[in-house]
PDB file of N, CA and C in Angstrom:
ATOM      1  N   UNK A   1     -15.172  -0.686   9.455  1.00  0.00           N
ATOM      2  CA  UNK A   1     -15.338   0.743   9.389  1.00  0.00           C
ATOM      3  C   UNK A   1     -14.225   1.347   8.535  1.00  0.00           C
ATOM      4  N   UNK A   2     -14.523   2.439   7.880  1.00  0.00           N
ATOM      5  CA  UNK A   2     -13.557   3.119   7.033  1.00  0.00           C
ATOM      6  C   UNK A   2     -12.354   3.548   7.872  1.00  0.00           C
ATOM      7  N   UNK A   3     -11.128   3.457   7.340  1.00  0.00           N
ATOM      8  CA  UNK A   3      -9.938   3.806   8.134  1.00  0.00           C
ATOM      9  C   UNK A   3      -9.991   5.240   8.676  1.00  0.00           C
ATOM     10  N   UNK A   4      -9.801   5.368   9.986  1.00  0.00           N
ATOM     11  CA  UNK A   4      -9.767   6.681  10.608  1.00  0.00           C
ATOM     12  C   UNK A   4      -8.406   7.324  10.360  1.00  0.00           C
ATOM     13  N   UNK A   5      -8.262   8.579  10.778  1.00  0.00           N
ATOM     14  CA  UNK A   5      -6.994   9.275  10.574  1.00  0.00           C
ATOM     15  C   UNK A   5      -5.861   8.576  11.329  1.00  0.00           C
ATOM     16  N   UNK A   6      -6.159   8.066  12.524  1.00  0.00           N
ATOM     17  CA  UNK A   6      -5.143   7.361  13.306  1.00  0.00           C
ATOM     18  C   UNK A   6      -4.700   6.082  12.599  1.00  0.00           C
ATOM     19  N   UNK A   7      -5.664   5.344  12.049  1.00  0.00           N
ATOM     20  CA  UNK A   7      -5.326   4.126  11.322  1.00  0.00           C
ATOM     21  C   UNK A   7      -4.518   4.439  10.067  1.00  0.00           C
ATOM     22  N   UNK A   8      -4.876   5.524   9.387  1.00  0.00           N
ATOM     23  CA  UNK A   8      -4.116   5.937   8.212  1.00  0.00           C
ATOM     24  C   UNK A   8      -2.682   6.285   8.596  1.00  0.00           C
ATOM     25  N   UNK A   9      -2.517   7.012   9.707  1.00  0.00           N
ATOM     26  CA  UNK A   9      -1.176   7.369  10.153  1.00  0.00           C
ATOM     27  C   UNK A   9      -0.358   6.129  10.474  1.00  0.00           C
ATOM     28  N   UNK A  10      -1.002   5.115  11.077  1.00  0.00           N
ATOM     29  CA  UNK A  10      -0.296   3.857  11.361  1.00  0.00           C
ATOM     30  C   UNK A  10       0.132   3.168  10.072  1.00  0.00           C
ATOM     31  N   UNK A  11      -0.762   3.165   9.080  1.00  0.00           N
ATOM     32  CA  UNK A  11      -0.421   2.564   7.793  1.00  0.00           C
ATOM     33  C   UNK A  11       0.762   3.275   7.149  1.00  0.00           C
ATOM     34  N   UNK A  12       0.705   4.619   7.152  1.00  0.00           N
ATOM     35  CA  UNK A  12       1.790   5.373   6.537  1.00  0.00           C
ATOM     36  C   UNK A  12       3.085   5.229   7.326  1.00  0.00           C
ATOM     37  N   UNK A  13       2.999   5.120   8.648  1.00  0.00           N
ATOM     38  CA  UNK A  13       4.199   4.932   9.459  1.00  0.00           C
ATOM     39  C   UNK A  13       4.817   3.563   9.182  1.00  0.00           C
ATOM     40  N   UNK A  14       3.983   2.555   8.980  1.00  0.00           N
ATOM     41  CA  UNK A  14       4.482   1.200   8.763  1.00  0.00           C
ATOM     42  C   UNK A  14       5.033   1.020   7.352  1.00  0.00           C
ATOM     43  N   UNK A  15       4.318   1.520   6.358  1.00  0.00           N
ATOM     44  CA  UNK A  15       4.709   1.262   4.963  1.00  0.00           C
ATOM     45  C   UNK A  15       5.434   2.429   4.305  1.00  0.00           C
ATOM     46  N   UNK A  16       5.285   3.637   4.822  1.00  0.00           N
ATOM     47  CA  UNK A  16       5.997   4.780   4.281  1.00  0.00           C
ATOM     48  C   UNK A  16       7.275   5.027   5.074  1.00  0.00           C
ATOM     49  N   UNK A  17       7.891   6.155   4.849  1.00  0.00           N
ATOM     50  CA  UNK A  17       9.096   6.499   5.599  1.00  0.00           C
ATOM     51  C   UNK A  17       8.752   6.934   7.017  1.00  0.00           C
ATOM     52  N   UNK A  18       7.649   7.665   7.163  1.00  0.00           N
ATOM     53  CA  UNK A  18       7.122   8.061   8.469  1.00  0.00           C
ATOM     54  C   UNK A  18       5.632   8.314   8.312  1.00  0.00           C
ATOM     55  N   UNK A  19       4.957   8.700   9.395  1.00  0.00           N
ATOM     56  CA  UNK A  19       3.499   8.860   9.302  1.00  0.00           C
ATOM     57  C   UNK A  19       3.083  10.091   8.505  1.00  0.00           C
ATOM     58  N   UNK A  20       3.996  11.016   8.273  1.00  0.00           N
ATOM     59  CA  UNK A  20       3.704  12.196   7.459  1.00  0.00           C
ATOM     60  C   UNK A  20       3.947  11.948   5.974  1.00  0.00           C
ATOM     61  N   UNK A  21       4.547  10.801   5.637  1.00  0.00           N
ATOM     62  CA  UNK A  21       4.864  10.465   4.247  1.00  0.00           C
ATOM     63  C   UNK A  21       3.655   9.804   3.592  1.00  0.00           C
ATOM     64  N   UNK A  22       2.683  10.618   3.194  1.00  0.00           N
ATOM     65  CA  UNK A  22       1.448  10.080   2.640  1.00  0.00           C
ATOM     66  C   UNK A  22       1.533   9.838   1.140  1.00  0.00           C
ATOM     67  N   UNK A  23       2.595  10.259   0.508  1.00  0.00           N
ATOM     68  CA  UNK A  23       2.681  10.140  -0.935  1.00  0.00           C
ATOM     69  C   UNK A  23       3.510   8.986  -1.434  1.00  0.00           C
ATOM     70  N   UNK A  24       4.120   8.224  -0.538  1.00  0.00           N
ATOM     71  CA  UNK A  24       4.958   7.116  -0.991  1.00  0.00           C
ATOM     72  C   UNK A  24       4.083   6.050  -1.643  1.00  0.00           C
ATOM     73  N   UNK A  25       4.644   5.371  -2.595  1.00  0.00           N
ATOM     74  CA  UNK A  25       3.895   4.355  -3.327  1.00  0.00           C
ATOM     75  C   UNK A  25       3.413   3.251  -2.399  1.00  0.00           C
ATOM     76  N   UNK A  26       4.283   2.798  -1.499  1.00  0.00           N
ATOM     77  CA  UNK A  26       3.908   1.722  -0.587  1.00  0.00           C
ATOM     78  C   UNK A  26       2.786   2.151   0.349  1.00  0.00           C
ATOM     79  N   UNK A  27       2.848   3.380   0.832  1.00  0.00           N
ATOM     80  CA  UNK A  27       1.803   3.892   1.713  1.00  0.00           C
ATOM     81  C   UNK A  27       0.460   3.986   1.001  1.00  0.00           C
ATOM     82  N   UNK A  28       0.481   4.451  -0.258  1.00  0.00           N
ATOM     83  CA  UNK A  28      -0.748   4.548  -1.027  1.00  0.00           C
ATOM     84  C   UNK A  28      -1.340   3.167  -1.296  1.00  0.00           C
ATOM     85  N   UNK A  29      -0.487   2.194  -1.604  1.00  0.00           N
ATOM     86  CA  UNK A  29      -0.957   0.835  -1.854  1.00  0.00           C
ATOM     87  C   UNK A  29      -1.597   0.263  -0.586  1.00  0.00           C
ATOM     88  N   UNK A  30      -0.970   0.500   0.559  1.00  0.00           N
ATOM     89  CA  UNK A  30      -1.522   0.008   1.825  1.00  0.00           C
ATOM     90  C   UNK A  30      -2.868   0.671   2.122  1.00  0.00           C
ATOM     91  N   UNK A  31      -2.976   1.962   1.864  1.00  0.00           N
ATOM     92  CA  UNK A  31      -4.240   2.663   2.097  1.00  0.00           C
ATOM     93  C   UNK A  31      -5.336   2.148   1.166  1.00  0.00           C
ATOM     94  N   UNK A  32      -5.016   1.963  -0.115  1.00  0.00           N
ATOM     95  CA  UNK A  32      -6.001   1.421  -1.048  1.00  0.00           C
ATOM     96  C   UNK A  32      -6.431   0.020  -0.633  1.00  0.00           C
ATOM     97  N   UNK A  33      -5.510  -0.771  -0.120  1.00  0.00           N
ATOM     98  CA  UNK A  33      -5.843  -2.118   0.332  1.00  0.00           C
ATOM     99  C   UNK A  33      -6.827  -2.075   1.493  1.00  0.00           C
ATOM    100  N   UNK A  34      -6.621  -1.157   2.432  1.00  0.00           N
ATOM    101  CA  UNK A  34      -7.545  -1.017   3.563  1.00  0.00           C
ATOM    102  C   UNK A  34      -8.913  -0.554   3.075  1.00  0.00           C
ATOM    103  N   UNK A  35      -8.932   0.385   2.145  1.00  0.00           N
ATOM    104  CA  UNK A  35     -10.206   0.878   1.611  1.00  0.00           C
ATOM    105  C   UNK A  35     -10.932  -0.211   0.827  1.00  0.00           C
ATOM    106  N   UNK A  36     -10.186  -1.021   0.071  1.00  0.00           N
ATOM    107  CA  UNK A  36     -10.779  -2.116  -0.693  1.00  0.00           C
ATOM    108  C   UNK A  36     -11.408  -3.136   0.250  1.00  0.00           C
ATOM    109  N   UNK A  37     -10.728  -3.434   1.346  1.00  0.00           N
ATOM    110  CA  UNK A  37     -11.280  -4.371   2.327  1.00  0.00           C
ATOM    111  C   UNK A  37     -12.576  -3.829   2.917  1.00  0.00           C
ATOM    112  N   UNK A  38     -12.609  -2.536   3.204  1.00  0.00           N
ATOM    113  CA  UNK A  38     -13.815  -1.917   3.768  1.00  0.00           C
ATOM    114  C   UNK A  38     -14.982  -1.975   2.781  1.00  0.00           C
ATOM    115  N   UNK A  39     -14.733  -1.607   1.529  1.00  0.00           N
ATOM    116  CA  UNK A  39     -15.800  -1.592   0.534  1.00  0.00           C
ATOM    117  C   UNK A  39     -16.265  -3.014   0.225  1.00  0.00           C
ATOM    118  N   UNK A  40     -15.347  -3.979   0.218  1.00  0.00           N
ATOM    119  CA  UNK A  40     -15.720  -5.371  -0.032  1.00  0.00           C
ATOM    120  C   UNK A  40     -16.661  -5.881   1.052  1.00  0.00           C
ATOM    121  N   UNK A  41     -16.345  -5.558   2.296  1.00  0.00           N
ATOM    122  CA  UNK A  41     -17.221  -5.960   3.403  1.00  0.00           C
ATOM    123  C   UNK A  41     -18.594  -5.312   3.258  1.00  0.00           C
ATOM    124  N   UNK A  42     -18.612  -4.041   2.876  1.00  0.00           N
ATOM    125  CA  UNK A  42     -19.871  -3.332   2.674  1.00  0.00           C
ATOM    126  C   UNK A  42     -20.705  -4.001   1.584  1.00  0.00           C
ATOM    127  N   UNK A  43     -20.059  -4.422   0.509  1.00  0.00           N
ATOM    128  CA  UNK A  43     -20.787  -5.031  -0.602  1.00  0.00           C
ATOM    129  C   UNK A  43     -21.330  -6.412  -0.254  1.00  0.00           C
ATOM    130  N   UNK A  44     -20.678  -7.108   0.668  1.00  0.00           N
ATOM    131  CA  UNK A  44     -21.215  -8.395   1.110  1.00  0.00           C
ATOM    132  C   UNK A  44     -22.543  -8.196   1.845  1.00  0.00           C
ATOM    133  N   UNK A  45     -22.627  -7.106   2.596  1.00  0.00           N
ATOM    134  CA  UNK A  45     -23.858  -6.813   3.334  1.00  0.00           C
ATOM    135  C   UNK A  45     -24.915  -6.144   2.453  1.00  0.00           C
ATOM    136  N   UNK A  46     -24.480  -5.430   1.409  1.00  0.00           N
ATOM    137  CA  UNK A  46     -25.387  -4.664   0.543  1.00  0.00           C
ATOM    138  C   UNK A  46     -25.099  -4.988  -0.924  1.00  0.00           C
ATOM    139  N   UNK A  47     -25.534  -6.147  -1.405  1.00  0.00           N
ATOM    140  CA  UNK A  47     -25.157  -6.569  -2.760  1.00  0.00           C
ATOM    141  C   UNK A  47     -25.752  -5.717  -3.886  1.00  0.00           C
ATOM    142  N   UNK A  48     -26.789  -4.938  -3.605  1.00  0.00           N
ATOM    143  CA  UNK A  48     -27.404  -4.130  -4.665  1.00  0.00           C
ATOM    144  C   UNK A  48     -26.845  -2.715  -4.746  1.00  0.00           C
ATOM    145  N   UNK A  49     -25.809  -2.430  -3.987  1.00  0.00           N
ATOM    146  CA  UNK A  49     -25.203  -1.096  -3.986  1.00  0.00           C
ATOM    147  C   UNK A  49     -24.223  -0.997  -5.158  1.00  0.00           C
ATOM    148  N   UNK A  50     -24.743  -0.598  -6.303  1.00  0.00           N
ATOM    149  CA  UNK A  50     -23.935  -0.587  -7.526  1.00  0.00           C
ATOM    150  C   UNK A  50     -22.914   0.546  -7.547  1.00  0.00           C
ATOM    151  N   UNK A  51     -23.195   1.640  -6.869  1.00  0.00           N
ATOM    152  CA  UNK A  51     -22.226   2.734  -6.818  1.00  0.00           C
ATOM    153  C   UNK A  51     -20.973   2.313  -6.061  1.00  0.00           C
ATOM    154  N   UNK A  52     -21.157   1.596  -4.979  1.00  0.00           N
ATOM    155  CA  UNK A  52     -19.998   1.114  -4.220  1.00  0.00           C
ATOM    156  C   UNK A  52     -19.239   0.059  -5.013  1.00  0.00           C
ATOM    157  N   UNK A  53     -19.960  -0.721  -5.790  1.00  0.00           N
ATOM    158  CA  UNK A  53     -19.305  -1.723  -6.626  1.00  0.00           C
ATOM    159  C   UNK A  53     -18.409  -1.052  -7.660  1.00  0.00           C
ATOM    160  N   UNK A  54     -18.905   0.025  -8.239  1.00  0.00           N
ATOM    161  CA  UNK A  54     -18.111   0.776  -9.215  1.00  0.00           C
ATOM    162  C   UNK A  54     -16.892   1.407  -8.538  1.00  0.00           C
ATOM    163  N   UNK A  55     -17.088   1.913  -7.327  1.00  0.00           N
ATOM    164  CA  UNK A  55     -15.974   2.498  -6.575  1.00  0.00           C
ATOM    165  C   UNK A  55     -14.919   1.439  -6.256  1.00  0.00           C
ATOM    166  N   UNK A  56     -15.366   0.231  -5.938  1.00  0.00           N
ATOM    167  CA  UNK A  56     -14.432  -0.855  -5.646  1.00  0.00           C
ATOM    168  C   UNK A  56     -13.576  -1.179  -6.868  1.00  0.00           C
ATOM    169  N   UNK A  57     -14.205  -1.259  -8.018  1.00  0.00           N
ATOM    170  CA  UNK A  57     -13.473  -1.543  -9.259  1.00  0.00           C
ATOM    171  C   UNK A  57     -12.447  -0.443  -9.521  1.00  0.00           C
ATOM    172  N   UNK A  58     -12.837   0.799  -9.273  1.00  0.00           N
ATOM    173  CA  UNK A  58     -11.937   1.934  -9.468  1.00  0.00           C
ATOM    174  C   UNK A  58     -10.738   1.856  -8.514  1.00  0.00           C
ATOM    175  N   UNK A  59     -10.999   1.512  -7.247  1.00  0.00           N
ATOM    176  CA  UNK A  59      -9.914   1.397  -6.264  1.00  0.00           C
ATOM    177  C   UNK A  59      -8.944   0.280  -6.621  1.00  0.00           C
ATOM    178  N   UNK A  60      -9.489  -0.837  -7.060  1.00  0.00           N
ATOM    179  CA  UNK A  60      -8.624  -1.962  -7.447  1.00  0.00           C
ATOM    180  C   UNK A  60      -7.756  -1.562  -8.634  1.00  0.00           C
ATOM    181  N   UNK A  61      -8.319  -0.827  -9.572  1.00  0.00           N
ATOM    182  CA  UNK A  61      -7.548  -0.364 -10.726  1.00  0.00           C
ATOM    183  C   UNK A  61      -6.440   0.595 -10.331  1.00  0.00           C
ATOM    184  N   UNK A  62      -6.727   1.501  -9.399  1.00  0.00           N
ATOM    185  CA  UNK A  62      -5.706   2.438  -8.942  1.00  0.00           C
ATOM    186  C   UNK A  62      -4.571   1.693  -8.250  1.00  0.00           C
ATOM    187  N   UNK A  63      -4.944   0.729  -7.400  1.00  0.00           N
ATOM    188  CA  UNK A  63      -3.908  -0.042  -6.705  1.00  0.00           C
ATOM    189  C   UNK A  63      -3.079  -0.839  -7.702  1.00  0.00           C
ATOM    190  N   UNK A  64      -3.734  -1.402  -8.722  1.00  0.00           N
ATOM    191  CA  UNK A  64      -3.015  -2.181  -9.729  1.00  0.00           C
ATOM    192  C   UNK A  64      -2.016  -1.304 -10.482  1.00  0.00           C
ATOM    193  N   UNK A  65      -2.434  -0.071 -10.820  1.00  0.00           N
ATOM    194  CA  UNK A  65      -1.521   0.844 -11.529  1.00  0.00           C
ATOM    195  C   UNK A  65      -0.319   1.203 -10.655  1.00  0.00           C
ATOM    196  N   UNK A  66      -0.555   1.416  -9.371  1.00  0.00           N
ATOM    197  CA  UNK A  66       0.567   1.705  -8.472  1.00  0.00           C
ATOM    198  C   UNK A  66       1.503   0.507  -8.350  1.00  0.00           C
ATOM    199  N   UNK A  67       0.931  -0.690  -8.297  1.00  0.00           N
ATOM    200  CA  UNK A  67       1.771  -1.891  -8.231  1.00  0.00           C
ATOM    201  C   UNK A  67       2.574  -2.073  -9.515  1.00  0.00           C
ATOM    202  N   UNK A  68       1.964  -1.787 -10.654  1.00  0.00           N
ATOM    203  CA  UNK A  68       2.687  -1.867 -11.927  1.00  0.00           C
ATOM    204  C   UNK A  68       3.834  -0.860 -11.965  1.00  0.00           C
ATOM    205  N   UNK A  69       3.580   0.346 -11.455  1.00  0.00           N
ATOM    206  CA  UNK A  69       4.625   1.366 -11.378  1.00  0.00           C
ATOM    207  C   UNK A  69       5.773   0.880 -10.497  1.00  0.00           C
ATOM    208  N   UNK A  70       5.435   0.267  -9.379  1.00  0.00           N
ATOM    209  CA  UNK A  70       6.456  -0.195  -8.447  1.00  0.00           C
ATOM    210  C   UNK A  70       7.277  -1.330  -9.049  1.00  0.00           C
ATOM    211  N   UNK A  71       6.655  -2.170  -9.867  1.00  0.00           N
ATOM    212  CA  UNK A  71       7.404  -3.241 -10.546  1.00  0.00           C
ATOM    213  C   UNK A  71       8.473  -2.629 -11.445  1.00  0.00           C
ATOM    214  N   UNK A  72       8.096  -1.591 -12.180  1.00  0.00           N
ATOM    215  CA  UNK A  72       9.037  -0.966 -13.106  1.00  0.00           C
ATOM    216  C   UNK A  72      10.174  -0.260 -12.378  1.00  0.00           C
ATOM    217  N   UNK A  73       9.862   0.375 -11.235  1.00  0.00           N
ATOM    218  CA  UNK A  73      10.869   1.171 -10.530  1.00  0.00           C
ATOM    219  C   UNK A  73      11.771   0.328  -9.635  1.00  0.00           C
ATOM    220  N   UNK A  74      11.176  -0.587  -8.847  1.00  0.00           N
ATOM    221  CA  UNK A  74      11.969  -1.350  -7.895  1.00  0.00           C
ATOM    222  C   UNK A  74      11.262  -2.661  -7.580  1.00  0.00           C
ATOM    223  N   UNK A  75      11.710  -3.739  -8.218  1.00  0.00           N
ATOM    224  CA  UNK A  75      11.056  -5.040  -8.076  1.00  0.00           C
ATOM    225  C   UNK A  75      11.169  -5.575  -6.650  1.00  0.00           C
ATOM    226  N   UNK A  76      12.226  -5.242  -5.939  1.00  0.00           N
ATOM    227  CA  UNK A  76      12.386  -5.730  -4.560  1.00  0.00           C
ATOM    228  C   UNK A  76      11.353  -5.103  -3.631  1.00  0.00           C
ATOM    229  N   UNK A  77      11.119  -3.797  -3.776  1.00  0.00           N
ATOM    230  CA  UNK A  77      10.085  -3.131  -2.971  1.00  0.00           C
ATOM    231  C   UNK A  77       8.710  -3.695  -3.299  1.00  0.00           C
ATOM    232  N   UNK A  78       8.482  -4.014  -4.587  1.00  0.00           N
ATOM    233  CA  UNK A  78       7.214  -4.613  -5.009  1.00  0.00           C
ATOM    234  C   UNK A  78       6.997  -5.955  -4.315  1.00  0.00           C
ATOM    235  N   UNK A  79       8.005  -6.803  -4.352  1.00  0.00           N
ATOM    236  CA  UNK A  79       7.881  -8.125  -3.733  1.00  0.00           C
ATOM    237  C   UNK A  79       7.662  -8.019  -2.231  1.00  0.00           C
ATOM    238  N   UNK A  80       8.319  -7.053  -1.612  1.00  0.00           N
ATOM    239  CA  UNK A  80       8.171  -6.863  -0.169  1.00  0.00           C
ATOM    240  C   UNK A  80       6.750  -6.418   0.192  1.00  0.00           C
ATOM    241  N   UNK A  81       6.211  -5.460  -0.539  1.00  0.00           N
ATOM    242  CA  UNK A  81       4.875  -4.955  -0.213  1.00  0.00           C
ATOM    243  C   UNK A  81       3.809  -6.010  -0.506  1.00  0.00           C
ATOM    244  N   UNK A  82       3.990  -6.792  -1.564  1.00  0.00           N
ATOM    245  CA  UNK A  82       3.054  -7.862  -1.884  1.00  0.00           C
ATOM    246  C   UNK A  82       3.034  -8.889  -0.746  1.00  0.00           C
ATOM    247  N   UNK A  83       4.215  -9.227  -0.270  1.00  0.00           N
ATOM    248  CA  UNK A  83       4.322 -10.228   0.803  1.00  0.00           C
ATOM    249  C   UNK A  83       3.715  -9.712   2.095  1.00  0.00           C
ATOM    250  N   UNK A  84       3.980  -8.456   2.451  1.00  0.00           N
ATOM    251  CA  UNK A  84       3.475  -7.888   3.699  1.00  0.00           C
ATOM    252  C   UNK A  84       1.958  -7.740   3.696  1.00  0.00           C
ATOM    253  N   UNK A  85       1.401  -7.319   2.573  1.00  0.00           N
ATOM    254  CA  UNK A  85      -0.037  -7.087   2.499  1.00  0.00           C
ATOM    255  C   UNK A  85      -0.826  -8.341   2.122  1.00  0.00           C
ATOM    256  N   UNK A  86      -0.127  -9.385   1.679  1.00  0.00           N
ATOM    257  CA  UNK A  86      -0.799 -10.620   1.324  1.00  0.00           C
ATOM    258  C   UNK A  86      -1.583 -10.526   0.031  1.00  0.00           C
ATOM    259  N   UNK A  87      -1.064  -9.753  -0.924  1.00  0.00           N
ATOM    260  CA  UNK A  87      -1.731  -9.586  -2.214  1.00  0.00           C
ATOM    261  C   UNK A  87      -1.222 -10.630  -3.193  1.00  0.00           C
ATOM    262  N   UNK A  88      -1.994 -10.853  -4.239  1.00  0.00           N
ATOM    263  CA  UNK A  88      -1.554 -11.703  -5.325  1.00  0.00           C
ATOM    264  C   UNK A  88      -1.969 -11.079  -6.624  1.00  0.00           C
ATOM    265  N   UNK A  89      -1.249 -11.402  -7.676  1.00  0.00           N
ATOM    266  CA  UNK A  89      -1.541 -10.790  -8.966  1.00  0.00           C
ATOM    267  C   UNK A  89      -2.653 -11.529  -9.655  1.00  0.00           C
TER     268      UNK A  89
END
């Protein structure tokens, strides 16, 4: 199921400075990761849903741009978030 407000607050509390810090790079990356997981599951059940497929590609691109930004700003934070979320390049 799509992340509820409570789940989003938990994500922001864990990866951001606090649950009200919705703009931090790490919090946004964590939220995009949760949304990508949701859309991926949806596409496994509905392979002909091309609009969701396009949305998935868009979400992955946004997350990639945020990760690239984080590499440039702080490589240690990048490595930490990659390890915690289990992402790979």
